[in-house]
Amino acid sequence: MHGFLSQALVVTDDNDFFGPSSQDEGSFEFTEIGLNVSLRPHQDVLLAAQMLSRRAGGDSSDAYPELDYGLIDYQMVSDQQRTFGIQLGRIKNPFGFYNQTR
């Protein structure tokens, strides 16, 4: 089980898209809180899920937790030359520096 918290300060010129961000002090109205868990009940099966709460401008009442991803990954064949399997569920976006696709 892992978790994270992200708090941003947004300062803009005449563009209040995350609260009053064009005022002198900026806006702290962008927050993300997440909790993720993964479990491998068998060497060929992975269960993983993440809950995410995001506040992007507005008041804090819109920052309720949602399922970001939840999946079952079953690897039928996995060796040095090939991998074949199936994933079911709400799949995590595979883009980024350390993911399947860049």
PDB file of N, CA and C in Angstrom:
ATOM      1  N   MET A   1       0.851  -1.167   0.000  1.00  0.00           N
ATOM      2  CA  MET A   1       0.000   0.000   0.000  1.00  0.00           C
ATOM      3  C   MET A   1       0.900   1.233   0.000  1.00  0.00           C
ATOM      4  N   HIS A   2       0.544   2.188  -0.838  1.00  0.00           N
ATOM      5  CA  HIS A   2       1.289   3.435  -0.960  1.00  0.00           C
ATOM      6  C   HIS A   2       0.297   4.586  -1.053  1.00  0.00           C
ATOM      7  N   GLY A   3       0.770   5.774  -0.738  1.00  0.00           N
ATOM      8  CA  GLY A   3      -0.070   6.952  -0.854  1.00  0.00           C
ATOM      9  C   GLY A   3       0.755   8.150  -1.267  1.00  0.00           C
ATOM     10  N   PHE A   4       0.068   9.207  -1.660  1.00  0.00           N
ATOM     11  CA  PHE A   4       0.758  10.434  -2.044  1.00  0.00           C
ATOM     12  C   PHE A   4      -0.149  11.632  -1.821  1.00  0.00           C
ATOM     13  N   LEU A   5       0.478  12.787  -1.706  1.00  0.00           N
ATOM     14  CA  LEU A   5      -0.213  14.065  -1.550  1.00  0.00           C
ATOM     15  C   LEU A   5       0.527  15.078  -2.400  1.00  0.00           C
ATOM     16  N   SER A   6      -0.214  15.847  -3.176  1.00  0.00           N
ATOM     17  CA  SER A   6       0.375  16.875  -4.021  1.00  0.00           C
ATOM     18  C   SER A   6      -0.390  18.175  -3.809  1.00  0.00           C
ATOM     19  N   GLN A   7       0.335  19.236  -3.493  1.00  0.00           N
ATOM     20  CA  GLN A   7      -0.264  20.559  -3.310  1.00  0.00           C
ATOM     21  C   GLN A   7       0.463  21.524  -4.228  1.00  0.00           C
ATOM     22  N   ALA A   8      -0.272  22.259  -5.056  1.00  0.00           N
ATOM     23  CA  ALA A   8       0.340  23.184  -6.009  1.00  0.00           C
ATOM     24  C   ALA A   8      -0.010  24.625  -5.662  1.00  0.00           C
ATOM     25  N   LEU A   9       0.887  25.519  -6.016  1.00  0.00           N
ATOM     26  CA  LEU A   9       0.639  26.955  -5.970  1.00  0.00           C
ATOM     27  C   LEU A   9       0.558  27.422  -7.415  1.00  0.00           C
ATOM     28  N   VAL A  10      -0.585  27.989  -7.805  1.00  0.00           N
ATOM     29  CA  VAL A  10      -0.796  28.449  -9.176  1.00  0.00           C
ATOM     30  C   VAL A  10      -0.826  29.972  -9.175  1.00  0.00           C
ATOM     31  N   VAL A  11       0.069  30.584  -9.956  1.00  0.00           N
ATOM     32  CA  VAL A  11       0.114  32.036 -10.102  1.00  0.00           C
ATOM     33  C   VAL A  11       0.005  32.341 -11.590  1.00  0.00           C
ATOM     34  N   THR A  12      -1.004  33.122 -11.988  1.00  0.00           N
ATOM     35  CA  THR A  12      -1.219  33.448 -13.398  1.00  0.00           C
ATOM     36  C   THR A  12      -1.475  34.938 -13.563  1.00  0.00           C
ATOM     37  N   ASP A  13      -1.464  35.393 -14.801  1.00  0.00           N
ATOM     38  CA  ASP A  13      -1.826  36.770 -15.134  1.00  0.00           C
ATOM     39  C   ASP A  13      -3.220  36.770 -15.738  1.00  0.00           C
ATOM     40  N   ASP A  14      -4.201  37.284 -15.011  1.00  0.00           N
ATOM     41  CA  ASP A  14      -5.574  37.463 -15.503  1.00  0.00           C
ATOM     42  C   ASP A  14      -6.205  36.174 -16.025  1.00  0.00           C
ATOM     43  N   ASN A  15      -5.938  35.048 -15.391  1.00  0.00           N
ATOM     44  CA  ASN A  15      -6.530  33.781 -15.806  1.00  0.00           C
ATOM     45  C   ASN A  15      -6.814  32.955 -14.555  1.00  0.00           C
ATOM     46  N   ASP A  16      -7.967  33.175 -13.939  1.00  0.00           N
ATOM     47  CA  ASP A  16      -8.319  32.525 -12.678  1.00  0.00           C
ATOM     48  C   ASP A  16      -8.923  31.147 -12.917  1.00  0.00           C
ATOM     49  N   PHE A  17      -8.117  30.192 -13.383  1.00  0.00           N
ATOM     50  CA  PHE A  17      -8.670  28.871 -13.681  1.00  0.00           C
ATOM     51  C   PHE A  17      -8.607  27.923 -12.492  1.00  0.00           C
ATOM     52  N   PHE A  18      -7.779  28.153 -11.491  1.00  0.00           N
ATOM     53  CA  PHE A  18      -7.770  27.378 -10.245  1.00  0.00           C
ATOM     54  C   PHE A  18      -7.940  28.337  -9.082  1.00  0.00           C
ATOM     55  N   GLY A  19      -9.105  28.940  -8.987  1.00  0.00           N
ATOM     56  CA  GLY A  19      -9.349  29.907  -7.926  1.00  0.00           C
ATOM     57  C   GLY A  19      -8.759  31.256  -8.287  1.00  0.00           C
ATOM     58  N   PRO A  20      -8.555  32.120  -7.296  1.00  0.00           N
ATOM     59  CA  PRO A  20      -8.051  33.475  -7.560  1.00  0.00           C
ATOM     60  C   PRO A  20      -6.540  33.480  -7.810  1.00  0.00           C
ATOM     61  N   SER A  21      -6.095  32.826  -8.868  1.00  0.00           N
ATOM     62  CA  SER A  21      -4.665  32.652  -9.111  1.00  0.00           C
ATOM     63  C   SER A  21      -3.989  33.883  -9.702  1.00  0.00           C
ATOM     64  N   SER A  22      -4.750  34.888 -10.138  1.00  0.00           N
ATOM     65  CA  SER A  22      -4.123  36.083 -10.690  1.00  0.00           C
ATOM     66  C   SER A  22      -3.935  37.164  -9.636  1.00  0.00           C
ATOM     67  N   GLN A  23      -4.339  36.906  -8.401  1.00  0.00           N
ATOM     68  CA  GLN A  23      -4.058  37.858  -7.330  1.00  0.00           C
ATOM     69  C   GLN A  23      -2.594  37.730  -6.926  1.00  0.00           C
ATOM     70  N   ASP A  24      -2.101  38.672  -6.164  1.00  0.00           N
ATOM     71  CA  ASP A  24      -0.675  38.709  -5.819  1.00  0.00           C
ATOM     72  C   ASP A  24      -0.173  37.445  -5.135  1.00  0.00           C
ATOM     73  N   GLU A  25      -0.994  36.823  -4.311  1.00  0.00           N
ATOM     74  CA  GLU A  25      -0.524  35.648  -3.565  1.00  0.00           C
ATOM     75  C   GLU A  25      -0.733  34.333  -4.306  1.00  0.00           C
ATOM     76  N   GLY A  26      -1.443  34.297  -5.411  1.00  0.00           N
ATOM     77  CA  GLY A  26      -1.693  33.069  -6.149  1.00  0.00           C
ATOM     78  C   GLY A  26      -2.800  32.250  -5.512  1.00  0.00           C
ATOM     79  N   SER A  27      -2.925  31.007  -5.940  1.00  0.00           N
ATOM     80  CA  SER A  27      -3.981  30.132  -5.448  1.00  0.00           C
ATOM     81  C   SER A  27      -3.407  28.765  -5.080  1.00  0.00           C
ATOM     82  N   PHE A  28      -3.822  28.252  -3.923  1.00  0.00           N
ATOM     83  CA  PHE A  28      -3.454  26.905  -3.491  1.00  0.00           C
ATOM     84  C   PHE A  28      -4.582  25.918  -3.761  1.00  0.00           C
ATOM     85  N   GLU A  29      -5.503  26.246  -4.651  1.00  0.00           N
ATOM     86  CA  GLU A  29      -6.694  25.437  -4.877  1.00  0.00           C
ATOM     87  C   GLU A  29      -6.480  24.330  -5.913  1.00  0.00           C
ATOM     88  N   PHE A  30      -5.341  23.665  -5.846  1.00  0.00           N
ATOM     89  CA  PHE A  30      -5.103  22.471  -6.656  1.00  0.00           C
ATOM     90  C   PHE A  30      -4.403  21.450  -5.771  1.00  0.00           C
ATOM     91  N   THR A  31      -5.130  20.406  -5.396  1.00  0.00           N
ATOM     92  CA  THR A  31      -4.637  19.393  -4.467  1.00  0.00           C
ATOM     93  C   THR A  31      -5.007  18.005  -4.984  1.00  0.00           C
ATOM     94  N   GLU A  32      -4.091  17.060  -4.857  1.00  0.00           N
ATOM     95  CA  GLU A  32      -4.366  15.656  -5.174  1.00  0.00           C
ATOM     96  C   GLU A  32      -3.912  14.789  -4.005  1.00  0.00           C
ATOM     97  N   ILE A  33      -4.759  13.837  -3.638  1.00  0.00           N
ATOM     98  CA  ILE A  33      -4.443  12.860  -2.600  1.00  0.00           C
ATOM     99  C   ILE A  33      -4.799  11.488  -3.156  1.00  0.00           C
ATOM    100  N   GLY A  34      -3.881  10.543  -3.049  1.00  0.00           N
ATOM    101  CA  GLY A  34      -4.138   9.218  -3.597  1.00  0.00           C
ATOM    102  C   GLY A  34      -3.651   8.111  -2.685  1.00  0.00           C
ATOM    103  N   LEU A  35      -4.284   6.967  -2.828  1.00  0.00           N
ATOM    104  CA  LEU A  35      -3.901   5.758  -2.109  1.00  0.00           C
ATOM    105  C   LEU A  35      -3.986   4.601  -3.095  1.00  0.00           C
ATOM    106  N   ASN A  36      -2.883   3.859  -3.254  1.00  0.00           N
ATOM    107  CA  ASN A  36      -2.907   2.721  -4.172  1.00  0.00           C
ATOM    108  C   ASN A  36      -2.416   1.462  -3.474  1.00  0.00           C
ATOM    109  N   VAL A  37      -2.907   0.352  -3.971  1.00  0.00           N
ATOM    110  CA  VAL A  37      -2.576  -0.942  -3.388  1.00  0.00           C
ATOM    111  C   VAL A  37      -2.451  -1.963  -4.513  1.00  0.00           C
ATOM    112  N   SER A  38      -1.523  -2.896  -4.355  1.00  0.00           N
ATOM    113  CA  SER A  38      -1.406  -4.005  -5.308  1.00  0.00           C
ATOM    114  C   SER A  38      -1.132  -5.286  -4.526  1.00  0.00           C
ATOM    115  N   LEU A  39      -1.620  -6.366  -5.078  1.00  0.00           N
ATOM    116  CA  LEU A  39      -1.521  -7.667  -4.433  1.00  0.00           C
ATOM    117  C   LEU A  39      -1.289  -8.711  -5.509  1.00  0.00           C
ATOM    118  N   ARG A  40      -0.376  -9.624  -5.251  1.00  0.00           N
ATOM    119  CA  ARG A  40      -0.095 -10.711  -6.183  1.00  0.00           C
ATOM    120  C   ARG A  40      -0.426 -12.031  -5.470  1.00  0.00           C
ATOM    121  N   PRO A  41      -1.708 -12.493  -5.579  1.00  0.00           N
ATOM    122  CA  PRO A  41      -2.098 -13.721  -4.893  1.00  0.00           C
ATOM    123  C   PRO A  41      -1.474 -14.979  -5.501  1.00  0.00           C
ATOM    124  N   HIS A  42      -1.040 -14.880  -6.745  1.00  0.00           N
ATOM    125  CA  HIS A  42      -0.376 -15.976  -7.453  1.00  0.00           C
ATOM    126  C   HIS A  42       0.663 -15.335  -8.359  1.00  0.00           C
ATOM    127  N   GLN A  43       1.715 -16.043  -8.734  1.00  0.00           N
ATOM    128  CA  GLN A  43       2.776 -15.437  -9.551  1.00  0.00           C
ATOM    129  C   GLN A  43       2.288 -14.958 -10.913  1.00  0.00           C
ATOM    130  N   ASP A  44       1.156 -15.463 -11.397  1.00  0.00           N
ATOM    131  CA  ASP A  44       0.618 -15.065 -12.699  1.00  0.00           C
ATOM    132  C   ASP A  44      -0.501 -14.037 -12.602  1.00  0.00           C
ATOM    133  N   VAL A  45      -0.920 -13.657 -11.403  1.00  0.00           N
ATOM    134  CA  VAL A  45      -2.077 -12.776 -11.216  1.00  0.00           C
ATOM    135  C   VAL A  45      -1.674 -11.552 -10.402  1.00  0.00           C
ATOM    136  N   LEU A  46      -2.068 -10.370 -10.889  1.00  0.00           N
ATOM    137  CA  LEU A  46      -1.852  -9.120 -10.174  1.00  0.00           C
ATOM    138  C   LEU A  46      -3.192  -8.420 -10.009  1.00  0.00           C
ATOM    139  N   LEU A  47      -3.501  -8.004  -8.795  1.00  0.00           N
ATOM    140  CA  LEU A  47      -4.668  -7.177  -8.498  1.00  0.00           C
ATOM    141  C   LEU A  47      -4.141  -5.815  -8.075  1.00  0.00           C
ATOM    142  N   ALA A  48      -4.661  -4.737  -8.664  1.00  0.00           N
ATOM    143  CA  ALA A  48      -4.178  -3.397  -8.339  1.00  0.00           C
ATOM    144  C   ALA A  48      -5.327  -2.402  -8.410  1.00  0.00           C
ATOM    145  N   ALA A  49      -5.276  -1.391  -7.526  1.00  0.00           N
ATOM    146  CA  ALA A  49      -6.305  -0.350  -7.519  1.00  0.00           C
ATOM    147  C   ALA A  49      -5.725   0.931  -6.937  1.00  0.00           C
ATOM    148  N   GLN A  50      -6.322   2.056  -7.335  1.00  0.00           N
ATOM    149  CA  GLN A  50      -5.940   3.356  -6.789  1.00  0.00           C
ATOM    150  C   GLN A  50      -7.174   4.226  -6.625  1.00  0.00           C
ATOM    151  N   MET A  51      -7.288   4.837  -5.453  1.00  0.00           N
ATOM    152  CA  MET A  51      -8.318   5.837  -5.182  1.00  0.00           C
ATOM    153  C   MET A  51      -7.644   7.198  -5.262  1.00  0.00           C
ATOM    154  N   LEU A  52      -8.337   8.182  -5.855  1.00  0.00           N
ATOM    155  CA  LEU A  52      -7.767   9.509  -6.050  1.00  0.00           C
ATOM    156  C   LEU A  52      -8.803  10.565  -5.713  1.00  0.00           C
ATOM    157  N   SER A  53      -8.371  11.572  -4.971  1.00  0.00           N
ATOM    158  CA  SER A  53      -9.203  12.735  -4.676  1.00  0.00           C
ATOM    159  C   SER A  53      -8.483  13.956  -5.233  1.00  0.00           C
ATOM    160  N   ARG A  54      -9.179  14.742  -6.055  1.00  0.00           N
ATOM    161  CA  ARG A  54      -8.557  15.902  -6.704  1.00  0.00           C
ATOM    162  C   ARG A  54      -9.438  17.131  -6.506  1.00  0.00           C
ATOM    163  N   ARG A  55      -8.824  18.210  -6.033  1.00  0.00           N
ATOM    164  CA  ARG A  55      -9.496  19.502  -5.965  1.00  0.00           C
ATOM    165  C   ARG A  55      -8.790  20.412  -6.959  1.00  0.00           C
ATOM    166  N   ALA A  56      -9.524  20.865  -7.967  1.00  0.00           N
ATOM    167  CA  ALA A  56      -8.954  21.731  -8.995  1.00  0.00           C
ATOM    168  C   ALA A  56      -9.798  22.993  -9.082  1.00  0.00           C
ATOM    169  N   GLY A  57      -9.500  23.951  -8.219  1.00  0.00           N
ATOM    170  CA  GLY A  57     -10.290  25.173  -8.147  1.00  0.00           C
ATOM    171  C   GLY A  57     -11.587  24.926  -7.404  1.00  0.00           C
ATOM    172  N   GLY A  58     -12.360  25.958  -7.208  1.00  0.00           N
ATOM    173  CA  GLY A  58     -13.632  25.809  -6.508  1.00  0.00           C
ATOM    174  C   GLY A  58     -13.429  25.522  -5.037  1.00  0.00           C
ATOM    175  N   ASP A  59     -14.464  24.976  -4.405  1.00  0.00           N
ATOM    176  CA  ASP A  59     -14.350  24.672  -2.980  1.00  0.00           C
ATOM    177  C   ASP A  59     -13.935  23.219  -2.776  1.00  0.00           C
ATOM    178  N   SER A  60     -13.661  22.871  -1.534  1.00  0.00           N
ATOM    179  CA  SER A  60     -13.150  21.529  -1.246  1.00  0.00           C
ATOM    180  C   SER A  60     -14.235  20.466  -1.272  1.00  0.00           C
ATOM    181  N   SER A  61     -15.511  20.843  -1.426  1.00  0.00           N
ATOM    182  CA  SER A  61     -16.580  19.843  -1.436  1.00  0.00           C
ATOM    183  C   SER A  61     -16.573  18.989  -2.707  1.00  0.00           C
ATOM    184  N   ASP A  62     -15.901  19.439  -3.786  1.00  0.00           N
ATOM    185  CA  ASP A  62     -15.847  18.637  -5.012  1.00  0.00           C
ATOM    186  C   ASP A  62     -14.674  17.655  -5.012  1.00  0.00           C
ATOM    187  N   ALA A  63     -13.920  17.592  -3.929  1.00  0.00           N
ATOM    188  CA  ALA A  63     -12.739  16.726  -3.852  1.00  0.00           C
ATOM    189  C   ALA A  63     -13.075  15.415  -3.155  1.00  0.00           C
ATOM    190  N   TYR A  64     -13.964  14.634  -3.743  1.00  0.00           N
ATOM    191  CA  TYR A  64     -14.337  13.353  -3.147  1.00  0.00           C
ATOM    192  C   TYR A  64     -13.544  12.232  -3.820  1.00  0.00           C
ATOM    193  N   PRO A  65     -13.228  11.155  -3.087  1.00  0.00           N
ATOM    194  CA  PRO A  65     -12.425  10.057  -3.653  1.00  0.00           C
ATOM    195  C   PRO A  65     -13.162   9.323  -4.770  1.00  0.00           C
ATOM    196  N   GLU A  66     -12.416   8.977  -5.817  1.00  0.00           N
ATOM    197  CA  GLU A  66     -12.935   8.205  -6.948  1.00  0.00           C
ATOM    198  C   GLU A  66     -11.948   7.093  -7.272  1.00  0.00           C
ATOM    199  N   LEU A  67     -12.442   6.046  -7.913  1.00  0.00           N
ATOM    200  CA  LEU A  67     -11.569   4.977  -8.383  1.00  0.00           C
ATOM    201  C   LEU A  67     -10.814   5.480  -9.613  1.00  0.00           C
ATOM    202  N   ASP A  68      -9.503   5.633  -9.491  1.00  0.00           N
ATOM    203  CA  ASP A  68      -8.674   6.069 -10.609  1.00  0.00           C
ATOM    204  C   ASP A  68      -8.410   4.889 -11.544  1.00  0.00           C
ATOM    205  N   TYR A  69      -8.022   3.770 -10.973  1.00  0.00           N
ATOM    206  CA  TYR A  69      -7.909   2.532 -11.746  1.00  0.00           C
ATOM    207  C   TYR A  69      -8.096   1.340 -10.813  1.00  0.00           C
ATOM    208  N   GLY A  70      -8.558   0.254 -11.390  1.00  0.00           N
ATOM    209  CA  GLY A  70      -8.717  -1.007 -10.676  1.00  0.00           C
ATOM    210  C   GLY A  70      -8.647  -2.118 -11.704  1.00  0.00           C
ATOM    211  N   LEU A  71      -7.727  -3.040 -11.558  1.00  0.00           N
ATOM    212  CA  LEU A  71      -7.556  -4.038 -12.610  1.00  0.00           C
ATOM    213  C   LEU A  71      -7.107  -5.384 -12.067  1.00  0.00           C
ATOM    214  N   ILE A  72      -7.374  -6.384 -12.888  1.00  0.00           N
ATOM    215  CA  ILE A  72      -6.868  -7.739 -12.700  1.00  0.00           C
ATOM    216  C   ILE A  72      -5.998  -8.037 -13.920  1.00  0.00           C
ATOM    217  N   ASP A  73      -4.762  -8.408 -13.695  1.00  0.00           N
ATOM    218  CA  ASP A  73      -3.812  -8.715 -14.765  1.00  0.00           C
ATOM    219  C   ASP A  73      -3.418 -10.182 -14.631  1.00  0.00           C
ATOM    220  N   TYR A  74      -3.739 -10.975 -15.649  1.00  0.00           N
ATOM    221  CA  TYR A  74      -3.410 -12.404 -15.650  1.00  0.00           C
ATOM    222  C   TYR A  74      -2.431 -12.684 -16.784  1.00  0.00           C
ATOM    223  N   GLN A  75      -1.241 -13.149 -16.451  1.00  0.00           N
ATOM    224  CA  GLN A  75      -0.207 -13.490 -17.432  1.00  0.00           C
ATOM    225  C   GLN A  75      -0.262 -14.984 -17.718  1.00  0.00           C
ATOM    226  N   MET A  76      -0.726 -15.349 -18.919  1.00  0.00           N
ATOM    227  CA  MET A  76      -0.820 -16.762 -19.297  1.00  0.00           C
ATOM    228  C   MET A  76       0.538 -17.338 -19.674  1.00  0.00           C
ATOM    229  N   VAL A  77       1.344 -16.541 -20.398  1.00  0.00           N
ATOM    230  CA  VAL A  77       2.694 -16.944 -20.796  1.00  0.00           C
ATOM    231  C   VAL A  77       3.620 -15.786 -20.466  1.00  0.00           C
ATOM    232  N   SER A  78       4.693 -16.058 -19.767  1.00  0.00           N
ATOM    233  CA  SER A  78       5.656 -15.010 -19.441  1.00  0.00           C
ATOM    234  C   SER A  78       7.044 -15.625 -19.325  1.00  0.00           C
ATOM    235  N   ASP A  79       7.900 -15.298 -20.296  1.00  0.00           N
ATOM    236  CA  ASP A  79       9.290 -15.736 -20.250  1.00  0.00           C
ATOM    237  C   ASP A  79      10.157 -14.637 -20.857  1.00  0.00           C
ATOM    238  N   GLN A  80      11.429 -14.914 -21.110  1.00  0.00           N
ATOM    239  CA  GLN A  80      12.343 -13.884 -21.598  1.00  0.00           C
ATOM    240  C   GLN A  80      12.022 -13.421 -23.015  1.00  0.00           C
ATOM    241  N   GLN A  81      11.414 -14.258 -23.838  1.00  0.00           N
ATOM    242  CA  GLN A  81      11.136 -13.905 -25.225  1.00  0.00           C
ATOM    243  C   GLN A  81       9.761 -13.275 -25.431  1.00  0.00           C
ATOM    244  N   ARG A  82       8.791 -13.584 -24.599  1.00  0.00           N
ATOM    245  CA  ARG A  82       7.427 -13.121 -24.867  1.00  0.00           C
ATOM    246  C   ARG A  82       6.617 -13.053 -23.570  1.00  0.00           C
ATOM    247  N   THR A  83       5.570 -12.279 -23.662  1.00  0.00           N
ATOM    248  CA  THR A  83       4.582 -12.186 -22.586  1.00  0.00           C
ATOM    249  C   THR A  83       3.212 -12.139 -23.226  1.00  0.00           C
ATOM    250  N   PHE A  84       2.297 -12.945 -22.721  1.00  0.00           N
ATOM    251  CA  PHE A  84       0.932 -12.968 -23.226  1.00  0.00           C
ATOM    252  C   PHE A  84      -0.002 -13.061 -22.029  1.00  0.00           C
ATOM    253  N   GLY A  85      -0.970 -12.157 -21.991  1.00  0.00           N
ATOM    254  CA  GLY A  85      -1.903 -12.160 -20.875  1.00  0.00           C
ATOM    255  C   GLY A  85      -3.123 -11.329 -21.179  1.00  0.00           C
ATOM    256  N   ILE A  86      -3.915 -11.101 -20.155  1.00  0.00           N
ATOM    257  CA  ILE A  86      -5.140 -10.329 -20.300  1.00  0.00           C
ATOM    258  C   ILE A  86      -5.289  -9.415 -19.089  1.00  0.00           C
ATOM    259  N   GLN A  87      -5.807  -8.203 -19.339  1.00  0.00           N
ATOM    260  CA  GLN A  87      -6.097  -7.250 -18.271  1.00  0.00           C
ATOM    261  C   GLN A  87      -7.572  -6.909 -18.321  1.00  0.00           C
ATOM    262  N   LEU A  88      -8.212  -6.901 -17.177  1.00  0.00           N
ATOM    263  CA  LEU A  88      -9.622  -6.540 -17.061  1.00  0.00           C
ATOM    264  C   LEU A  88      -9.772  -5.452 -16.013  1.00  0.00           C
ATOM    265  N   GLY A  89     -10.680  -4.519 -16.271  1.00  0.00           N
ATOM    266  CA  GLY A  89     -10.962  -3.478 -15.287  1.00  0.00           C
ATOM    267  C   GLY A  89     -10.787  -2.100 -15.873  1.00  0.00           C
ATOM    268  N   ARG A  90     -10.707  -1.143 -14.991  1.00  0.00           N
ATOM    269  CA  ARG A  90     -10.430   0.237 -15.382  1.00  0.00           C
ATOM    270  C   ARG A  90      -8.914   0.381 -15.393  1.00  0.00           C
ATOM    271  N   ILE A  91      -8.341   0.446 -16.588  1.00  0.00           N
ATOM    272  CA  ILE A  91      -6.901   0.332 -16.785  1.00  0.00           C
ATOM    273  C   ILE A  91      -6.215   1.668 -16.513  1.00  0.00           C
ATOM    274  N   LYS A  92      -5.055   1.592 -15.875  1.00  0.00           N
ATOM    275  CA  LYS A  92      -4.225   2.765 -15.618  1.00  0.00           C
ATOM    276  C   LYS A  92      -3.650   3.276 -16.936  1.00  0.00           C
ATOM    277  N   ASN A  93      -3.587   4.579 -17.104  1.00  0.00           N
ATOM    278  CA  ASN A  93      -3.024   5.191 -18.303  1.00  0.00           C
ATOM    279  C   ASN A  93      -1.540   4.820 -18.418  1.00  0.00           C
ATOM    280  N   PRO A  94      -1.101   4.190 -19.528  1.00  0.00           N
ATOM    281  CA  PRO A  94       0.268   3.675 -19.610  1.00  0.00           C
ATOM    282  C   PRO A  94       1.312   4.685 -20.084  1.00  0.00           C
ATOM    283  N   PHE A  95       1.064   5.982 -20.020  1.00  0.00           N
ATOM    284  CA  PHE A  95       2.018   6.970 -20.503  1.00  0.00           C
ATOM    285  C   PHE A  95       2.833   7.540 -19.351  1.00  0.00           C
ATOM    286  N   GLY A  96       4.092   7.896 -19.633  1.00  0.00           N
ATOM    287  CA  GLY A  96       4.954   8.498 -18.628  1.00  0.00           C
ATOM    288  C   GLY A  96       6.388   8.031 -18.783  1.00  0.00           C
ATOM    289  N   PHE A  97       7.251   8.535 -17.938  1.00  0.00           N
ATOM    290  CA  PHE A  97       8.673   8.213 -18.021  1.00  0.00           C
ATOM    291  C   PHE A  97       8.963   6.739 -17.752  1.00  0.00           C
ATOM    292  N   TYR A  98       8.282   6.135 -16.787  1.00  0.00           N
ATOM    293  CA  TYR A  98       8.620   4.785 -16.355  1.00  0.00           C
ATOM    294  C   TYR A  98       7.504   3.793 -16.647  1.00  0.00           C
ATOM    295  N   ASN A  99       6.726   3.994 -17.669  1.00  0.00           N
ATOM    296  CA  ASN A  99       5.621   3.111 -18.005  1.00  0.00           C
ATOM    297  C   ASN A  99       5.895   2.375 -19.307  1.00  0.00           C
ATOM    298  N   GLN A 100       4.863   1.708 -19.842  1.00  0.00           N
ATOM    299  CA  GLN A 100       5.006   0.901 -21.046  1.00  0.00           C
ATOM    300  C   GLN A 100       5.283   1.742 -22.283  1.00  0.00           C
ATOM    301  N   THR A 101       4.778   2.973 -22.325  1.00  0.00           N
ATOM    302  CA  THR A 101       4.878   3.836 -23.494  1.00  0.00           C
ATOM    303  C   THR A 101       5.387   5.201 -23.061  1.00  0.00           C
ATOM    304  N   ARG A 102       6.212   5.833 -23.863  1.00  0.00           N
ATOM    305  CA  ARG A 102       6.687   7.180 -23.530  1.00  0.00           C
ATOM    306  C   ARG A 102       6.112   8.178 -24.484  1.00  0.00           C
TER     307      ARG A 102
END
